[in-house]
Amino acid sequence: MGKIKIVGGDIYQRVWDRPAQKVARELGISGTRLKKICRELGVPTPPRGYWAKIEAGNSAMRTPLPDTATRQVMYCDSTAKKYRDAPPPDLGHRLRQIKTEEESCLPPIVTYVDGPLRAACVQVISERLFFHKPNCISDAISTSRERRHRALVIADALVEALRQRGFKAQERKGRLVISRGLFEMTVRLTDVDSLNGQPTATPGSRGLRLILRQIGGRGLVHARDEATRTIDDQLGRVVLAIRRVEATNAYYADRAAVESQRLVAKLELEKVSQLWEEVDTWLRVQQCRSYLDRFEAELAATGASFDTDSSPVAWLRWARSVCDTHDPMLARISRSLASGMSREAQ
């Protein structure tokens, strides 16, 4: 929000050049507020049907601006919000950028079966993913004993590669979770020819199966040993797929956040506009009440009868009830009291 300066001569040109709603949006105020400002500055506004004539190609006379209103100045609050958040970048561009990084810029993913550092990492993963079934380490590594070490090596290489790219890896109740921000995926390595560490009815398939499932949403990344290609050779493609899924999620989350901010701002503008309308209605009601008081006083001065059945008294009673019915302040107080009673009852 901020103060905006409105000059009579300038606002006169604006409201006669284009519809008041457009001018109000440009100033960051409501249409009702703009009309009130014009009245207070003494600036005439186009009558009803003026813009219909203009659109039909007909000429319409402008009401001249009084000299006294030309240099009149007023300051008012703008309710418009300027969004500092830039719109989310193009998703296709981001996915192409990730693909280029994985193919040319980042180091290749290599699994090391031997070596003190890798052996230590594998040992850490093995210890953290505790045994809870006879033939499997955890939900993350559920393989036969013969393939367990290789499965740990693959998990170690995958975790290390993702850590280099800003992801986190942690163990949660026997599951290996890869995460960045709100994005999370679980990692699971199993035998192709076994289920939960036990041989299946048709053993003989080779190697391991790697599956990553997205937590709390869709998304599935997988790889398995094939006749011509092992999981080790596919880890680069797996990491690329994980990054693409994460980037897609981030894109839609950013877009949803921007839309949410816009909705909040729109609702705020509607509330402010409703407030100005209530104020204008209340002022009209107060004017009406003042008129009725004056009418009653003038009537009393004439010595007219004020019997309850007389026509003036009945009309005054009706007119005052109309004012009470349309008074926005009384209606808001009534709603506030009803809401308070409802909370107390609960």
Protein backbone atom coordinates (compact mmCIF):
# COMPACT_ATOMS: atom_id res chain seq x y z
CA MET A 1 0.00 0.00 0.00
CA GLY A 2 1.00 3.65 -0.48
CA LYS A 3 -0.30 7.19 -0.77
CA ILE A 4 -1.35 8.36 -4.22
CA LYS A 5 -1.91 11.97 -5.25
CA ILE A 6 -5.04 12.78 -7.25
CA VAL A 7 -5.43 16.15 -8.96
CA GLY A 8 -8.85 17.31 -10.15
CA GLY A 9 -7.80 18.23 -13.69
CA ASP A 10 -5.87 14.97 -14.17
CA ILE A 11 -8.59 12.68 -12.85
CA TYR A 12 -11.16 14.50 -15.01
CA GLN A 13 -9.19 13.63 -18.15
CA ARG A 14 -8.81 10.01 -17.05
CA VAL A 15 -12.45 9.28 -16.22
CA TRP A 16 -13.64 10.82 -19.49
CA ASP A 17 -11.01 9.02 -21.60
CA ARG A 18 -11.78 5.48 -20.38
CA PRO A 19 -14.27 3.69 -18.07
CA ALA A 20 -14.01 4.34 -14.34
CA GLN A 21 -13.26 0.69 -13.48
CA LYS A 22 -10.12 0.75 -15.64
CA VAL A 23 -8.99 4.04 -14.10
CA ALA A 24 -9.61 2.64 -10.61
CA ARG A 25 -7.48 -0.44 -11.34
CA GLU A 26 -4.66 1.77 -12.62
CA LEU A 27 -4.75 3.79 -9.39
CA GLY A 28 -5.07 0.69 -7.19
CA ILE A 29 -8.41 1.68 -5.66
CA SER A 30 -12.01 0.50 -5.97
CA GLY A 31 -14.50 1.93 -8.44
CA THR A 32 -16.70 3.10 -5.55
CA ARG A 33 -13.76 4.88 -3.98
CA LEU A 34 -12.96 6.62 -7.28
CA LYS A 35 -16.52 7.92 -7.64
CA LYS A 36 -16.44 9.25 -4.09
CA ILE A 37 -13.13 11.04 -4.77
CA CYS A 38 -14.60 12.63 -7.89
CA ARG A 39 -17.59 13.88 -5.89
CA GLU A 40 -15.38 15.34 -3.18
CA LEU A 41 -13.15 17.09 -5.74
CA GLY A 42 -16.15 18.38 -7.68
CA VAL A 43 -15.14 16.44 -10.80
CA PRO A 44 -18.08 15.43 -13.04
CA THR A 45 -18.15 11.82 -14.28
CA PRO A 46 -19.73 10.34 -17.42
CA PRO A 47 -23.47 9.65 -17.05
CA ARG A 48 -25.05 6.24 -17.49
CA GLY A 49 -24.97 5.11 -21.13
CA TYR A 50 -22.07 7.39 -22.06
CA TRP A 51 -19.63 4.57 -22.94
CA ALA A 52 -22.33 2.66 -24.82
CA LYS A 53 -22.72 5.66 -27.11
CA ILE A 54 -18.96 5.92 -27.61
CA GLU A 55 -18.67 2.20 -28.47
CA ALA A 56 -21.54 2.56 -30.96
CA GLY A 57 -19.57 5.30 -32.74
CA ASN A 58 -21.82 8.14 -31.63
CA SER A 59 -20.56 11.40 -30.20
CA ALA A 60 -21.35 12.35 -26.61
CA MET A 61 -20.93 15.66 -24.86
CA ARG A 62 -18.56 15.94 -21.91
CA THR A 63 -19.69 17.81 -18.83
CA PRO A 64 -17.20 20.69 -18.46
CA LEU A 65 -14.88 20.73 -15.46
CA PRO A 66 -15.53 23.65 -13.07
CA ASP A 67 -12.58 26.01 -12.65
CA THR A 68 -12.63 25.47 -8.89
CA ALA A 69 -11.97 21.73 -9.32
CA THR A 70 -9.02 22.01 -11.74
CA ARG A 71 -6.32 22.33 -9.08
CA GLN A 72 -8.06 20.50 -6.25
CA VAL A 73 -5.75 17.84 -4.74
CA MET A 74 -6.52 14.76 -2.64
CA TYR A 75 -4.34 11.98 -1.22
CA CYS A 76 -5.65 8.47 -0.68
CA ASP A 77 -4.33 5.00 0.10
CA SER A 78 -3.74 2.59 -2.75
CA THR A 79 -4.71 -1.01 -2.02
CA ALA A 80 -2.84 -2.39 -5.04
CA LYS A 81 -0.06 -4.90 -4.36
CA LYS A 82 3.06 -5.13 -6.45
CA TYR A 83 4.32 -8.69 -6.66
CA ARG A 84 7.99 -9.00 -5.95
CA ASP A 85 7.92 -12.69 -6.74
CA ALA A 86 8.85 -13.24 -10.35
CA PRO A 87 6.75 -15.79 -12.23
CA PRO A 88 8.26 -19.26 -12.19
CA PRO A 89 10.79 -19.89 -14.96
CA ASP A 90 9.82 -21.87 -18.01
CA LEU A 91 9.68 -25.55 -17.04
CA GLY A 92 10.91 -26.82 -20.40
CA HIS A 93 13.98 -24.58 -20.23
CA ARG A 94 14.80 -25.82 -16.70
CA LEU A 95 14.49 -29.49 -17.71
CA ARG A 96 16.75 -28.96 -20.74
CA GLN A 97 19.27 -27.21 -18.49
CA ILE A 98 19.30 -30.17 -16.08
CA LYS A 99 19.81 -32.59 -18.96
CA THR A 100 22.76 -30.53 -20.24
CA GLU A 101 24.32 -30.44 -16.77
CA GLU A 102 24.04 -34.19 -16.33
CA GLU A 103 25.41 -34.96 -19.78
CA SER A 104 28.33 -32.57 -19.94
CA CYS A 105 29.01 -30.58 -16.78
CA LEU A 106 28.78 -32.91 -13.79
CA PRO A 107 31.15 -35.82 -13.04
CA PRO A 108 29.95 -39.29 -14.06
CA ILE A 109 28.51 -41.60 -11.43
CA VAL A 110 30.87 -44.47 -10.71
CA THR A 111 30.41 -47.41 -8.34
CA TYR A 112 33.51 -48.58 -6.49
CA VAL A 113 33.39 -52.09 -5.13
CA ASP A 114 36.73 -51.72 -3.36
CA GLY A 115 38.59 -48.87 -1.71
CA PRO A 116 38.73 -47.77 1.94
CA LEU A 117 36.53 -44.68 1.52
CA ARG A 118 33.79 -46.45 -0.41
CA ALA A 119 33.99 -49.46 1.84
CA ALA A 120 33.52 -47.19 4.85
CA CYS A 121 30.49 -45.51 3.24
CA VAL A 122 28.96 -48.86 2.43
CA GLN A 123 29.56 -49.98 6.00
CA VAL A 124 27.82 -46.85 7.35
CA ILE A 125 24.78 -47.44 5.14
CA SER A 126 24.73 -51.08 6.11
CA GLU A 127 24.79 -50.22 9.82
CA ARG A 128 22.15 -47.49 9.59
CA LEU A 129 19.74 -49.66 7.60
CA PHE A 130 19.25 -52.11 10.43
CA PHE A 131 18.23 -55.76 10.12
CA HIS A 132 14.56 -56.37 10.83
CA LYS A 133 13.86 -59.42 8.65
CA PRO A 134 15.84 -62.65 8.42
CA ASN A 135 17.17 -62.15 4.89
CA CYS A 136 16.99 -58.37 4.25
CA ILE A 137 18.60 -55.30 5.75
CA SER A 138 15.60 -52.99 5.54
CA ASP A 139 12.77 -51.85 3.31
CA ALA A 140 15.43 -49.96 1.35
CA ILE A 141 17.83 -52.87 0.78
CA SER A 142 15.87 -56.10 0.50
CA THR A 143 18.16 -58.53 -1.32
CA SER A 144 19.69 -61.94 -0.97
CA ARG A 145 23.01 -62.18 0.89
CA GLU A 146 24.84 -62.81 -2.38
CA ARG A 147 23.77 -59.49 -3.86
CA ARG A 148 23.64 -57.41 -0.69
CA HIS A 149 27.11 -55.88 -0.96
CA ARG A 150 26.58 -54.84 -4.56
CA ALA A 151 23.19 -53.32 -3.65
CA LEU A 152 24.88 -51.27 -0.91
CA VAL A 153 27.55 -50.11 -3.36
CA ILE A 154 24.87 -48.93 -5.82
CA ALA A 155 22.94 -47.17 -3.05
CA ASP A 156 26.17 -45.51 -1.88
CA ALA A 157 26.99 -44.23 -5.40
CA LEU A 158 23.43 -42.95 -5.89
CA VAL A 159 23.37 -41.16 -2.53
CA GLU A 160 26.78 -39.58 -3.10
CA ALA A 161 25.83 -38.34 -6.58
CA LEU A 162 22.60 -36.79 -5.31
CA ARG A 163 24.39 -35.17 -2.37
CA GLN A 164 26.72 -33.47 -4.86
CA ARG A 165 23.60 -32.01 -6.50
CA GLY A 166 22.09 -30.61 -3.30
CA PHE A 167 19.87 -33.51 -2.22
CA LYS A 168 19.84 -35.02 1.27
CA ALA A 169 19.82 -38.73 2.10
CA GLN A 170 18.59 -40.07 5.43
CA GLU A 171 17.21 -43.22 6.96
CA ARG A 172 13.62 -43.16 8.28
CA LYS A 173 12.30 -46.26 9.96
CA GLY A 174 14.19 -48.59 7.68
CA ARG A 175 13.58 -46.52 4.53
CA LEU A 176 16.23 -44.59 2.63
CA VAL A 177 14.75 -41.16 1.78
CA ILE A 178 16.16 -38.75 -0.80
CA SER A 179 14.91 -35.18 -0.32
CA ARG A 180 15.34 -31.54 -1.25
CA GLY A 181 12.96 -28.94 0.16
CA LEU A 182 9.46 -30.43 0.13
CA PHE A 183 10.44 -33.07 -2.45
CA GLU A 184 10.98 -36.60 -1.10
CA MET A 185 11.51 -40.03 -2.68
CA THR A 186 12.11 -43.43 -1.13
CA VAL A 187 14.83 -45.72 -2.50
CA ARG A 188 14.32 -49.48 -2.68
CA LEU A 189 16.73 -52.10 -4.02
CA THR A 190 15.53 -55.70 -4.44
CA ASP A 191 16.51 -58.84 -6.30
CA VAL A 192 14.86 -59.29 -9.67
CA ASP A 193 14.38 -63.00 -8.91
CA SER A 194 13.37 -62.67 -5.26
CA LEU A 195 10.80 -60.97 -3.03
CA ASN A 196 11.81 -59.61 0.38
CA GLY A 197 15.01 -61.62 0.23
CA GLN A 198 13.26 -64.92 -0.51
CA PRO A 199 13.59 -66.67 -3.92
CA THR A 200 10.52 -66.50 -6.14
CA ALA A 201 8.83 -69.46 -7.82
CA THR A 202 10.74 -68.79 -11.04
CA PRO A 203 14.33 -67.91 -10.10
CA GLY A 204 16.97 -67.30 -12.73
CA SER A 205 16.45 -63.65 -13.64
CA ARG A 206 19.66 -61.73 -13.21
CA GLY A 207 20.66 -58.83 -11.02
CA LEU A 208 18.89 -56.14 -9.04
CA ARG A 209 15.92 -53.82 -9.37
CA LEU A 210 16.08 -50.16 -8.27
CA ILE A 211 12.82 -48.29 -7.60
CA LEU A 212 12.28 -44.73 -6.33
CA ARG A 213 8.79 -43.64 -5.35
CA GLN A 214 7.72 -40.11 -4.58
CA ILE A 215 6.30 -39.53 -1.09
CA GLY A 216 2.95 -37.80 -1.01
CA GLY A 217 2.61 -37.56 -4.78
CA ARG A 218 3.07 -39.25 -8.11
CA GLY A 219 6.39 -40.04 -9.68
CA LEU A 220 8.29 -43.26 -10.23
CA VAL A 221 11.91 -43.75 -11.27
CA HIS A 222 13.23 -47.26 -11.84
CA ALA A 223 16.09 -49.27 -13.30
CA ARG A 224 17.01 -52.95 -13.40
CA ASP A 225 19.84 -55.13 -14.55
CA GLU A 226 19.39 -56.06 -18.18
CA ALA A 227 21.11 -58.48 -20.51
CA THR A 228 23.11 -55.67 -22.11
CA ARG A 229 23.17 -53.06 -19.34
CA THR A 230 23.54 -53.12 -15.55
CA ILE A 231 22.10 -50.75 -12.97
CA ASP A 232 25.59 -49.28 -12.52
CA ASP A 233 25.49 -48.02 -16.11
CA GLN A 234 21.99 -46.58 -15.65
CA LEU A 235 22.63 -44.51 -12.51
CA GLY A 236 23.21 -41.35 -14.57
CA ARG A 237 19.79 -41.74 -16.17
CA VAL A 238 18.25 -42.40 -12.75
CA VAL A 239 19.74 -39.22 -11.25
CA LEU A 240 18.60 -37.23 -14.29
CA ALA A 241 15.06 -38.57 -13.85
CA ILE A 242 15.07 -37.70 -10.13
CA ARG A 243 16.21 -34.15 -10.84
CA ARG A 244 13.57 -33.72 -13.56
CA VAL A 245 10.80 -34.92 -11.25
CA GLU A 246 12.05 -32.60 -8.48
CA ALA A 247 12.26 -29.62 -10.87
CA THR A 248 8.74 -30.29 -12.14
CA ASN A 249 7.40 -30.43 -8.58
CA ALA A 250 9.21 -27.19 -7.67
CA TYR A 251 7.81 -25.46 -10.77
CA TYR A 252 4.21 -26.31 -9.95
CA ALA A 253 4.73 -25.50 -6.26
CA ASP A 254 6.10 -22.03 -7.18
CA ARG A 255 3.22 -21.45 -9.57
CA ALA A 256 0.71 -22.49 -6.91
CA ALA A 257 2.37 -20.10 -4.42
CA VAL A 258 2.12 -17.18 -6.87
CA GLU A 259 -1.53 -17.99 -7.61
CA SER A 260 -2.21 -18.19 -3.89
CA GLN A 261 -0.66 -14.75 -3.34
CA ARG A 262 -2.73 -13.31 -6.16
CA LEU A 263 -5.89 -14.83 -4.70
CA VAL A 264 -5.10 -13.36 -1.27
CA ALA A 265 -4.50 -9.94 -2.84
CA LYS A 266 -7.73 -10.19 -4.82
CA LEU A 267 -9.70 -11.11 -1.70
CA GLU A 268 -8.10 -8.19 0.14
CA LEU A 269 -9.13 -5.79 -2.62
CA GLU A 270 -12.68 -7.16 -2.50
CA LYS A 271 -12.81 -6.68 1.28
CA VAL A 272 -11.55 -3.10 0.97
CA SER A 273 -14.07 -2.37 -1.79
CA GLN A 274 -16.85 -3.82 0.37
CA LEU A 275 -15.73 -1.58 3.23
CA TRP A 276 -15.93 1.55 1.08
CA GLU A 277 -19.38 0.50 -0.12
CA GLU A 278 -20.50 0.02 3.49
CA VAL A 279 -19.21 3.48 4.40
CA ASP A 280 -21.02 5.06 1.44
CA THR A 281 -24.26 3.25 2.34
CA TRP A 282 -23.93 4.27 6.01
CA LEU A 283 -23.46 7.92 4.98
CA ARG A 284 -26.60 7.77 2.86
CA VAL A 285 -28.51 6.22 5.76
CA GLN A 286 -27.28 8.98 8.10
CA GLN A 287 -28.38 11.61 5.60
CA CYS A 288 -31.77 9.94 5.41
CA ARG A 289 -32.08 9.97 9.21
CA SER A 290 -31.12 13.63 9.33
CA TYR A 291 -33.76 14.34 6.72
CA LEU A 292 -36.39 12.47 8.75
CA ASP A 293 -35.43 14.37 11.91
CA ARG A 294 -35.74 17.65 10.05
CA PHE A 295 -39.06 16.56 8.54
CA GLU A 296 -40.40 15.68 11.98
CA ALA A 297 -39.23 19.02 13.40
CA GLU A 298 -40.79 21.01 10.55
CA LEU A 299 -44.00 19.01 10.88
CA ALA A 300 -44.13 19.71 14.61
CA ALA A 301 -43.64 23.42 13.95
CA THR A 302 -46.81 23.46 11.84
CA GLY A 303 -48.84 22.08 14.75
CA ALA A 304 -49.77 18.90 12.88
CA SER A 305 -51.22 15.98 14.78
CA PHE A 306 -48.85 13.23 15.88
CA ASP A 307 -51.42 10.54 16.60
CA THR A 308 -50.09 7.03 16.16
CA ASP A 309 -52.56 6.38 13.38
CA SER A 310 -51.86 9.58 11.48
CA SER A 311 -50.36 9.33 8.03
CA PRO A 312 -47.14 11.34 8.79
CA VAL A 313 -46.37 9.25 11.88
CA ALA A 314 -46.92 5.99 10.00
CA TRP A 315 -44.68 7.18 7.18
CA LEU A 316 -41.94 8.27 9.61
CA ARG A 317 -42.13 4.89 11.35
CA TRP A 318 -41.78 3.12 8.01
CA ALA A 319 -38.93 5.38 6.83
CA ARG A 320 -36.94 4.90 10.04
CA SER A 321 -37.39 1.12 9.80
CA VAL A 322 -36.02 1.28 6.24
CA CYS A 323 -32.95 3.13 7.56
CA ASP A 324 -32.43 0.52 10.29
CA THR A 325 -32.82 -2.31 7.79
CA HIS A 326 -30.23 -0.88 5.38
CA ASP A 327 -27.79 0.40 8.02
CA PRO A 328 -24.59 -1.66 7.41
CA MET A 329 -23.24 -0.83 10.86
CA LEU A 330 -26.24 -2.34 12.65
CA ALA A 331 -26.06 -5.40 10.40
CA ARG A 332 -22.33 -5.88 11.12
CA ILE A 333 -22.83 -5.47 14.88
CA SER A 334 -25.64 -8.03 14.77
CA ARG A 335 -23.42 -10.52 12.89
CA SER A 336 -20.56 -9.97 15.37
CA LEU A 337 -22.81 -10.64 18.35
CA ALA A 338 -24.25 -13.76 16.70
CA SER A 339 -20.73 -15.03 15.95
CA GLY A 340 -19.65 -14.44 19.58
CA MET A 341 -22.68 -16.31 20.92
CA SER A 342 -21.96 -19.19 18.56
CA ARG A 343 -18.37 -19.48 19.83
CA GLU A 344 -19.52 -19.43 23.43
CA ALA A 345 -22.05 -22.19 22.72
CA GLN A 346 -19.30 -24.37 21.28
